[in-house]
PDB file of N, CA and C in Angstrom:
ATOM      1  N   MET A   1      -6.610  36.974 -20.332  1.00  0.00           N
ATOM      2  CA  MET A   1      -5.181  36.059 -20.411  1.00  0.00           C
ATOM      3  C   MET A   1      -5.706  35.187 -19.443  1.00  0.00           C
ATOM      4  N   ARG A   2      -5.614  35.468 -18.049  1.00  0.00           N
ATOM      5  CA  ARG A   2      -5.513  34.553 -17.336  1.00  0.00           C
ATOM      6  C   ARG A   2      -6.604  33.682 -16.896  1.00  0.00           C
ATOM      7  N   ALA A   3      -8.204  34.232 -17.748  1.00  0.00           N
ATOM      8  CA  ALA A   3      -8.946  33.046 -17.400  1.00  0.00           C
ATOM      9  C   ALA A   3      -9.155  32.653 -19.094  1.00  0.00           C
ATOM     10  N   SER A   4      -9.040  33.053 -19.951  1.00  0.00           N
ATOM     11  CA  SER A   4      -8.733  32.113 -20.871  1.00  0.00           C
ATOM     12  C   SER A   4      -7.733  30.762 -20.566  1.00  0.00           C
ATOM     13  N   ARG A   5      -6.826  30.784 -19.972  1.00  0.00           N
ATOM     14  CA  ARG A   5      -5.645  29.877 -19.932  1.00  0.00           C
ATOM     15  C   ARG A   5      -6.299  28.920 -18.441  1.00  0.00           C
ATOM     16  N   LEU A   6      -7.111  29.709 -17.946  1.00  0.00           N
ATOM     17  CA  LEU A   6      -8.043  28.843 -16.666  1.00  0.00           C
ATOM     18  C   LEU A   6      -8.805  28.103 -17.502  1.00  0.00           C
ATOM     19  N   LYS A   7      -9.798  28.659 -18.117  1.00  0.00           N
ATOM     20  CA  LYS A   7     -10.900  28.086 -18.972  1.00  0.00           C
ATOM     21  C   LYS A   7     -10.161  26.628 -19.686  1.00  0.00           C
ATOM     22  N   LYS A   8      -8.620  26.947 -20.448  1.00  0.00           N
ATOM     23  CA  LYS A   8      -8.357  25.727 -21.419  1.00  0.00           C
ATOM     24  C   LYS A   8      -8.040  24.561 -20.513  1.00  0.00           C
ATOM     25  N   ILE A   9      -7.220  24.906 -19.157  1.00  0.00           N
ATOM     26  CA  ILE A   9      -6.882  24.108 -18.224  1.00  0.00           C
ATOM     27  C   ILE A   9      -8.487  22.997 -18.085  1.00  0.00           C
ATOM     28  N   LYS A  10      -9.231  23.816 -17.655  1.00  0.00           N
ATOM     29  CA  LYS A  10     -10.384  23.390 -17.151  1.00  0.00           C
ATOM     30  C   LYS A  10     -11.046  22.128 -18.074  1.00  0.00           C
ATOM     31  N   TYR A  11     -11.209  22.789 -19.195  1.00  0.00           N
ATOM     32  CA  TYR A  11     -11.501  21.986 -20.315  1.00  0.00           C
ATOM     33  C   TYR A  11     -11.071  20.529 -20.835  1.00  0.00           C
ATOM     34  N   SER A  12      -9.091  21.167 -20.421  1.00  0.00           N
ATOM     35  CA  SER A  12      -8.651  19.694 -20.932  1.00  0.00           C
ATOM     36  C   SER A  12      -8.584  18.582 -19.752  1.00  0.00           C
ATOM     37  N   LEU A  13      -8.842  18.860 -18.239  1.00  0.00           N
ATOM     38  CA  LEU A  13      -8.861  18.179 -17.383  1.00  0.00           C
ATOM     39  C   LEU A  13      -9.803  17.628 -16.993  1.00  0.00           C
ATOM     40  N   ALA A  14     -11.283  17.907 -17.523  1.00  0.00           N
ATOM     41  CA  ALA A  14     -12.697  17.801 -17.335  1.00  0.00           C
ATOM     42  C   ALA A  14     -13.163  16.596 -17.420  1.00  0.00           C
ATOM     43  N   PRO A  15     -12.551  15.644 -18.198  1.00  0.00           N
ATOM     44  CA  PRO A  15     -12.815  14.073 -18.501  1.00  0.00           C
ATOM     45  C   PRO A  15     -12.298  13.436 -17.681  1.00  0.00           C
ATOM     46  N   PHE A  16     -11.060  13.830 -17.539  1.00  0.00           N
ATOM     47  CA  PHE A  16      -9.982  12.784 -16.085  1.00  0.00           C
ATOM     48  C   PHE A  16     -10.962  13.035 -14.887  1.00  0.00           C
ATOM     49  N   VAL A  17     -11.884  14.233 -14.574  1.00  0.00           N
ATOM     50  CA  VAL A  17     -12.545  14.450 -13.436  1.00  0.00           C
ATOM     51  C   VAL A  17     -14.232  13.509 -13.833  1.00  0.00           C
ATOM     52  N   ILE A  18     -14.717  13.681 -14.662  1.00  0.00           N
ATOM     53  CA  ILE A  18     -16.287  13.316 -15.041  1.00  0.00           C
ATOM     54  C   ILE A  18     -16.245  11.426 -15.308  1.00  0.00           C
ATOM     55  N   ILE A  19     -15.153  11.447 -15.751  1.00  0.00           N
ATOM     56  CA  ILE A  19     -15.130   9.915 -16.211  1.00  0.00           C
ATOM     57  C   ILE A  19     -15.288   8.869 -15.412  1.00  0.00           C
ATOM     58  N   PRO A  20     -14.369   9.357 -14.196  1.00  0.00           N
ATOM     59  CA  PRO A  20     -14.389   8.142 -12.979  1.00  0.00           C
ATOM     60  C   PRO A  20     -15.780   8.473 -12.133  1.00  0.00           C
ATOM     61  N   LEU A  21     -16.016   9.732 -12.030  1.00  0.00           N
ATOM     62  CA  LEU A  21     -17.415  10.046 -10.843  1.00  0.00           C
ATOM     63  C   LEU A  21     -18.998   9.141 -12.046  1.00  0.00           C
ATOM     64  N   ILE A  22     -18.387   8.880 -13.234  1.00  0.00           N
ATOM     65  CA  ILE A  22     -19.270   8.253 -14.110  1.00  0.00           C
ATOM     66  C   ILE A  22     -19.046   6.895 -14.424  1.00  0.00           C
ATOM     67  N   LEU A  23     -17.962   6.099 -14.225  1.00  0.00           N
ATOM     68  CA  LEU A  23     -17.699   4.654 -14.385  1.00  0.00           C
ATOM     69  C   LEU A  23     -17.751   3.858 -13.140  1.00  0.00           C
ATOM     70  N   THR A  24     -17.304   4.925 -11.905  1.00  0.00           N
ATOM     71  CA  THR A  24     -17.525   4.141 -10.624  1.00  0.00           C
ATOM     72  C   THR A  24     -18.978   3.901 -10.171  1.00  0.00           C
ATOM     73  N   PRO A  25     -20.067   4.438 -10.466  1.00  0.00           N
ATOM     74  CA  PRO A  25     -21.618   3.725  -9.832  1.00  0.00           C
ATOM     75  C   PRO A  25     -22.058   3.111 -10.627  1.00  0.00           C
ATOM     76  N   ILE A  26     -21.992   3.202 -11.998  1.00  0.00           N
ATOM     77  CA  ILE A  26     -22.219   2.261 -13.227  1.00  0.00           C
ATOM     78  C   ILE A  26     -21.796   0.506 -13.138  1.00  0.00           C
ATOM     79  N   THR A  27     -20.320   0.679 -12.589  1.00  0.00           N
ATOM     80  CA  THR A  27     -19.536  -0.589 -12.452  1.00  0.00           C
ATOM     81  C   THR A  27     -20.075  -1.257 -11.239  1.00  0.00           C
ATOM     82  N   GLY A  28     -20.087  -0.126 -10.175  1.00  0.00           N
ATOM     83  CA  GLY A  28     -20.776  -0.910  -9.060  1.00  0.00           C
ATOM     84  C   GLY A  28     -22.126  -1.584  -8.872  1.00  0.00           C
ATOM     85  N   GLY A  29     -23.053  -0.769  -9.554  1.00  0.00           N
ATOM     86  CA  GLY A  29     -24.260  -1.210  -9.599  1.00  0.00           C
ATOM     87  C   GLY A  29     -24.569  -2.315 -10.718  1.00  0.00           C
ATOM     88  N   LEU A  30     -23.679  -2.373 -11.630  1.00  0.00           N
ATOM     89  CA  LEU A  30     -23.632  -3.729 -12.720  1.00  0.00           C
ATOM     90  C   LEU A  30     -23.142  -4.543 -12.040  1.00  0.00           C
ATOM     91  N   PHE A  31     -22.200  -4.697 -11.196  1.00  0.00           N
ATOM     92  CA  PHE A  31     -21.606  -5.941 -10.195  1.00  0.00           C
ATOM     93  C   PHE A  31     -22.749  -6.445  -8.994  1.00  0.00           C
ATOM     94  N   HIS A  32     -23.269  -4.957  -8.348  1.00  0.00           N
ATOM     95  CA  HIS A  32     -24.458  -5.561  -7.597  1.00  0.00           C
ATOM     96  C   HIS A  32     -25.499  -6.631  -7.952  1.00  0.00           C
ATOM     97  N   ILE A  33     -26.121  -5.593  -9.446  1.00  0.00           N
ATOM     98  CA  ILE A  33     -27.338  -6.655 -10.326  1.00  0.00           C
ATOM     99  C   ILE A  33     -26.155  -7.859 -10.574  1.00  0.00           C
ATOM    100  N   ALA A  34     -25.619  -8.292 -10.883  1.00  0.00           N
ATOM    101  CA  ALA A  34     -24.630  -9.672 -11.013  1.00  0.00           C
ATOM    102  C   ALA A  34     -24.790 -10.053 -10.075  1.00  0.00           C
ATOM    103  N   ASP A  35     -24.363  -9.978  -8.625  1.00  0.00           N
ATOM    104  CA  ASP A  35     -24.012 -10.211  -7.635  1.00  0.00           C
ATOM    105  C   ASP A  35     -25.565 -11.268  -6.744  1.00  0.00           C
ATOM    106  N   LEU A  36     -26.382 -10.216  -6.876  1.00  0.00           N
ATOM    107  CA  LEU A  36     -28.019 -10.658  -6.801  1.00  0.00           C
ATOM    108  C   LEU A  36     -28.730 -11.488  -7.558  1.00  0.00           C
ATOM    109  N   ALA A  37     -27.903 -11.676  -8.999  1.00  0.00           N
ATOM    110  CA  ALA A  37     -28.322 -12.884  -9.859  1.00  0.00           C
ATOM    111  C   ALA A  37     -27.420 -13.936  -9.650  1.00  0.00           C
ATOM    112  N   GLY A  38     -26.736 -13.955  -8.684  1.00  0.00           N
ATOM    113  CA  GLY A  38     -25.358 -15.094  -8.128  1.00  0.00           C
ATOM    114  C   GLY A  38     -24.550 -15.101  -9.143  1.00  0.00           C
ATOM    115  N   LYS A  39     -24.141 -14.420 -10.056  1.00  0.00           N
ATOM    116  CA  LYS A  39     -23.213 -14.390 -11.558  1.00  0.00           C
ATOM    117  C   LYS A  39     -22.027 -13.637 -10.888  1.00  0.00           C
ATOM    118  N   ASP A  40     -21.836 -13.069  -9.850  1.00  0.00           N
ATOM    119  CA  ASP A  40     -20.673 -12.060  -9.511  1.00  0.00           C
ATOM    120  C   ASP A  40     -19.593 -13.236 -10.242  1.00  0.00           C
ATOM    121  N   ASP A  41     -18.980 -13.886 -10.281  1.00  0.00           N
ATOM    122  CA  ASP A  41     -17.519 -14.484 -10.249  1.00  0.00           C
ATOM    123  C   ASP A  41     -17.739 -14.950 -11.913  1.00  0.00           C
ATOM    124  N   GLN A  42     -18.656 -14.355 -12.589  1.00  0.00           N
ATOM    125  CA  GLN A  42     -18.135 -14.331 -14.161  1.00  0.00           C
ATOM    126  C   GLN A  42     -18.038 -13.052 -14.449  1.00  0.00           C
ATOM    127  N   TYR A  43     -18.447 -11.847 -13.245  1.00  0.00           N
ATOM    128  CA  TYR A  43     -18.647 -10.339 -13.766  1.00  0.00           C
ATOM    129  C   TYR A  43     -17.391  -9.466 -12.528  1.00  0.00           C
ATOM    130  N   GLY A  44     -16.474 -10.402 -12.583  1.00  0.00           N
ATOM    131  CA  GLY A  44     -15.770 -10.341 -11.362  1.00  0.00           C
ATOM    132  C   GLY A  44     -14.547  -8.925 -12.119  1.00  0.00           C
ATOM    133  N   TRP A  45     -14.380  -8.565 -13.748  1.00  0.00           N
ATOM    134  CA  TRP A  45     -13.653  -7.531 -14.102  1.00  0.00           C
ATOM    135  C   TRP A  45     -14.740  -6.487 -13.810  1.00  0.00           C
ATOM    136  N   LEU A  46     -16.145  -6.388 -13.480  1.00  0.00           N
ATOM    137  CA  LEU A  46     -16.457  -5.224 -13.286  1.00  0.00           C
ATOM    138  C   LEU A  46     -16.132  -4.739 -12.108  1.00  0.00           C
ATOM    139  N   MET A  47     -15.909  -5.675 -10.755  1.00  0.00           N
ATOM    140  CA  MET A  47     -15.563  -5.042  -9.790  1.00  0.00           C
ATOM    141  C   MET A  47     -14.056  -4.531  -9.561  1.00  0.00           C
ATOM    142  N   ASP A  48     -12.928  -4.837 -10.868  1.00  0.00           N
ATOM    143  CA  ASP A  48     -11.903  -4.967 -11.035  1.00  0.00           C
ATOM    144  C   ASP A  48     -11.688  -3.152 -12.054  1.00  0.00           C
ATOM    145  N   ILE A  49     -12.599  -2.759 -12.768  1.00  0.00           N
ATOM    146  CA  ILE A  49     -12.712  -1.418 -13.572  1.00  0.00           C
ATOM    147  C   ILE A  49     -13.078  -0.883 -11.998  1.00  0.00           C
ATOM    148  N   HIS A  50     -14.295  -1.128 -11.130  1.00  0.00           N
ATOM    149  CA  HIS A  50     -14.800  -0.185 -10.102  1.00  0.00           C
ATOM    150  C   HIS A  50     -13.896  -0.021  -9.291  1.00  0.00           C
ATOM    151  N   THR A  51     -12.531  -0.942  -8.656  1.00  0.00           N
ATOM    152  CA  THR A  51     -11.470  -0.200  -7.964  1.00  0.00           C
ATOM    153  C   THR A  51     -10.329  -0.261  -8.398  1.00  0.00           C
ATOM    154  N   GLY A  52     -10.688   0.245  -9.424  1.00  0.00           N
ATOM    155  CA  GLY A  52      -9.405   0.690 -10.608  1.00  0.00           C
ATOM    156  C   GLY A  52      -8.414   0.272 -11.129  1.00  0.00           C
ATOM    157  N   LYS A  53      -8.607  -0.878 -11.134  1.00  0.00           N
ATOM    158  CA  LYS A  53      -7.896  -1.540 -11.714  1.00  0.00           C
ATOM    159  C   LYS A  53      -8.022  -1.941 -13.323  1.00  0.00           C
ATOM    160  N   PHE A  54      -7.545  -1.441 -14.434  1.00  0.00           N
ATOM    161  CA  PHE A  54      -7.703  -1.465 -15.727  1.00  0.00           C
ATOM    162  C   PHE A  54      -6.664  -2.164 -16.154  1.00  0.00           C
ATOM    163  N   GLY A  55      -6.820  -3.655 -16.385  1.00  0.00           N
ATOM    164  CA  GLY A  55      -5.953  -4.594 -17.438  1.00  0.00           C
ATOM    165  C   GLY A  55      -4.243  -4.017 -16.748  1.00  0.00           C
ATOM    166  N   ILE A  56      -3.192  -3.569 -17.202  1.00  0.00           N
ATOM    167  CA  ILE A  56      -2.150  -3.970 -16.638  1.00  0.00           C
ATOM    168  C   ILE A  56      -1.730  -2.407 -15.964  1.00  0.00           C
ATOM    169  N   ILE A  57      -2.765  -1.560 -15.720  1.00  0.00           N
ATOM    170  CA  ILE A  57      -2.446  -0.038 -15.153  1.00  0.00           C
ATOM    171  C   ILE A  57      -3.371  -0.617 -13.812  1.00  0.00           C
ATOM    172  N   ASP A  58      -2.965  -0.620 -12.416  1.00  0.00           N
ATOM    173  CA  ASP A  58      -3.497  -0.674 -11.122  1.00  0.00           C
ATOM    174  C   ASP A  58      -3.485   0.226 -10.469  1.00  0.00           C
ATOM    175  N   LEU A  59      -4.623   0.965 -10.327  1.00  0.00           N
ATOM    176  CA  LEU A  59      -4.464   1.995  -9.640  1.00  0.00           C
ATOM    177  C   LEU A  59      -5.334   2.107  -8.292  1.00  0.00           C
ATOM    178  N   SER A  60      -5.548   0.735  -7.625  1.00  0.00           N
ATOM    179  CA  SER A  60      -6.690   0.947  -6.568  1.00  0.00           C
ATOM    180  C   SER A  60      -6.413   1.354  -5.709  1.00  0.00           C
ATOM    181  N   SER A  61      -4.544   1.259  -5.604  1.00  0.00           N
ATOM    182  CA  SER A  61      -4.388   2.524  -3.942  1.00  0.00           C
ATOM    183  C   SER A  61      -4.849   3.939  -4.186  1.00  0.00           C
ATOM    184  N   PHE A  62      -4.348   4.443  -5.468  1.00  0.00           N
ATOM    185  CA  PHE A  62      -4.592   5.747  -5.736  1.00  0.00           C
ATOM    186  C   PHE A  62      -6.513   6.434  -6.016  1.00  0.00           C
ATOM    187  N   TYR A  63      -7.004   5.137  -6.377  1.00  0.00           N
ATOM    188  CA  TYR A  63      -8.597   5.119  -7.446  1.00  0.00           C
ATOM    189  C   TYR A  63      -9.195   5.698  -6.459  1.00  0.00           C
ATOM    190  N   PRO A  64      -9.716   5.564  -5.366  1.00  0.00           N
ATOM    191  CA  PRO A  64     -10.450   6.120  -3.749  1.00  0.00           C
ATOM    192  C   PRO A  64     -10.505   7.423  -3.544  1.00  0.00           C
ATOM    193  N   PHE A  65      -9.163   7.973  -3.721  1.00  0.00           N
ATOM    194  CA  PHE A  65      -8.983   9.271  -3.298  1.00  0.00           C
ATOM    195  C   PHE A  65      -9.367  10.160  -4.188  1.00  0.00           C
ATOM    196  N   TYR A  66      -8.733   9.790  -5.352  1.00  0.00           N
ATOM    197  CA  TYR A  66      -8.386  10.398  -6.642  1.00  0.00           C
ATOM    198  C   TYR A  66     -10.335  10.483  -6.945  1.00  0.00           C
ATOM    199  N   ASN A  67     -11.247  10.008  -6.949  1.00  0.00           N
ATOM    200  CA  ASN A  67     -12.640   9.823  -6.785  1.00  0.00           C
ATOM    201  C   ASN A  67     -13.005  10.421  -5.556  1.00  0.00           C
ATOM    202  N   ALA A  68     -12.880  10.758  -4.604  1.00  0.00           N
ATOM    203  CA  ALA A  68     -13.489  11.446  -3.694  1.00  0.00           C
ATOM    204  C   ALA A  68     -12.792  13.108  -3.982  1.00  0.00           C
ATOM    205  N   LEU A  69     -11.494  13.231  -4.453  1.00  0.00           N
ATOM    206  CA  LEU A  69     -10.792  14.810  -4.907  1.00  0.00           C
ATOM    207  C   LEU A  69     -11.944  15.217  -5.645  1.00  0.00           C
ATOM    208  N   ALA A  70     -12.232  14.164  -7.206  1.00  0.00           N
ATOM    209  CA  ALA A  70     -13.092  14.877  -8.253  1.00  0.00           C
ATOM    210  C   ALA A  70     -14.458  14.944  -7.946  1.00  0.00           C
ATOM    211  N   LEU A  71     -14.724  14.307  -6.814  1.00  0.00           N
ATOM    212  CA  LEU A  71     -16.296  14.507  -5.793  1.00  0.00           C
ATOM    213  C   LEU A  71     -16.244  16.246  -5.942  1.00  0.00           C
ATOM    214  N   LEU A  72     -15.198  16.181  -4.638  1.00  0.00           N
ATOM    215  CA  LEU A  72     -15.045  17.807  -4.044  1.00  0.00           C
ATOM    216  C   LEU A  72     -14.615  18.461  -5.159  1.00  0.00           C
ATOM    217  N   ILE A  73     -14.475  18.523  -6.746  1.00  0.00           N
ATOM    218  CA  ILE A  73     -14.096  19.281  -7.330  1.00  0.00           C
ATOM    219  C   ILE A  73     -15.157  19.756  -7.968  1.00  0.00           C
ATOM    220  N   MET A  74     -16.096  18.738  -8.279  1.00  0.00           N
ATOM    221  CA  MET A  74     -16.956  18.852  -9.267  1.00  0.00           C
ATOM    222  C   MET A  74     -18.394  19.780  -8.484  1.00  0.00           C
ATOM    223  N   ALA A  75     -18.647  19.192  -7.035  1.00  0.00           N
ATOM    224  CA  ALA A  75     -19.087  19.687  -6.142  1.00  0.00           C
ATOM    225  C   ALA A  75     -18.592  21.705  -5.878  1.00  0.00           C
ATOM    226  N   GLY A  76     -17.098  21.072  -5.609  1.00  0.00           N
ATOM    227  CA  GLY A  76     -17.067  22.712  -5.747  1.00  0.00           C
ATOM    228  C   GLY A  76     -17.606  23.862  -6.618  1.00  0.00           C
ATOM    229  N   ALA A  77     -17.290  23.614  -7.841  1.00  0.00           N
ATOM    230  CA  ALA A  77     -17.197  24.172  -8.912  1.00  0.00           C
ATOM    231  C   ALA A  77     -18.840  24.245  -9.097  1.00  0.00           C
ATOM    232  N   GLY A  78     -19.826  23.400  -8.935  1.00  0.00           N
ATOM    233  CA  GLY A  78     -21.186  23.863  -8.805  1.00  0.00           C
ATOM    234  C   GLY A  78     -21.983  24.502  -8.033  1.00  0.00           C
ATOM    235  N   ILE A  79     -21.003  24.689  -6.199  1.00  0.00           N
ATOM    236  CA  ILE A  79     -21.302  25.664  -5.842  1.00  0.00           C
ATOM    237  C   ILE A  79     -20.754  27.178  -6.164  1.00  0.00           C
ATOM    238  N   TRP A  80     -19.572  26.997  -6.981  1.00  0.00           N
ATOM    239  CA  TRP A  80     -19.427  28.361  -7.299  1.00  0.00           C
ATOM    240  C   TRP A  80     -20.441  28.918  -8.394  1.00  0.00           C
ATOM    241  N   LEU A  81     -20.574  28.342  -9.290  1.00  0.00           N
ATOM    242  CA  LEU A  81     -21.256  28.730 -10.353  1.00  0.00           C
ATOM    243  C   LEU A  81     -23.117  29.203 -10.027  1.00  0.00           C
ATOM    244  N   TRP A  82     -22.965  28.379  -8.872  1.00  0.00           N
ATOM    245  CA  TRP A  82     -24.432  28.597  -7.946  1.00  0.00           C
ATOM    246  C   TRP A  82     -24.485  30.062  -7.568  1.00  0.00           C
ATOM    247  N   PHE A  83     -23.129  30.338  -6.802  1.00  0.00           N
ATOM    248  CA  PHE A  83     -23.380  31.572  -6.009  1.00  0.00           C
ATOM    249  C   PHE A  83     -22.887  32.717  -6.829  1.00  0.00           C
ATOM    250  N   LYS A  84     -22.420  32.441  -8.107  1.00  0.00           N
ATOM    251  CA  LYS A  84     -22.472  33.449  -9.442  1.00  0.00           C
ATOM    252  C   LYS A  84     -23.539  33.725 -10.093  1.00  0.00           C
ATOM    253  N   GLY A  85     -24.560  32.551 -10.117  1.00  0.00           N
ATOM    254  CA  GLY A  85     -25.791  32.754 -10.658  1.00  0.00           C
ATOM    255  C   GLY A  85     -26.530  33.646 -10.006  1.00  0.00           C
ATOM    256  N   LEU A  86     -25.818  33.585  -8.459  1.00  0.00           N
ATOM    257  CA  LEU A  86     -26.942  34.787  -7.444  1.00  0.00           C
ATOM    258  C   LEU A  86     -26.518  35.775  -7.588  1.00  0.00           C
ATOM    259  N   ARG A  87     -25.315  36.390  -8.062  1.00  0.00           N
ATOM    260  CA  ARG A  87     -25.002  37.647  -8.356  1.00  0.00           C
ATOM    261  C   ARG A  87     -25.623  38.203  -9.181  1.00  0.00           C
ATOM    262  N   ARG A  88     -25.786  37.438 -10.195  1.00  0.00           N
ATOM    263  CA  ARG A  88     -26.301  38.654 -11.541  1.00  0.00           C
ATOM    264  C   ARG A  88     -27.713  39.007 -10.899  1.00  0.00           C
TER     265      ARG A  88
END
């Protein structure tokens, strides 16, 4: 019973963990390309998203810590799955 409940929690939290980890490098990379092209003033909205400002929702003071925590969770889950595979 406990394992199935943990799986439900994991599956419901997964998008909240993976979306920032995908969104941050994409927006950062695209903004860097715009900066190299000299058009960074036109694409400031990418930097806003990159730093956690989503329109009226401003998570910029929390977003870097959230990204770090999400990365640690993903790394920990990967290492756990790897060790679990070695036991078989």
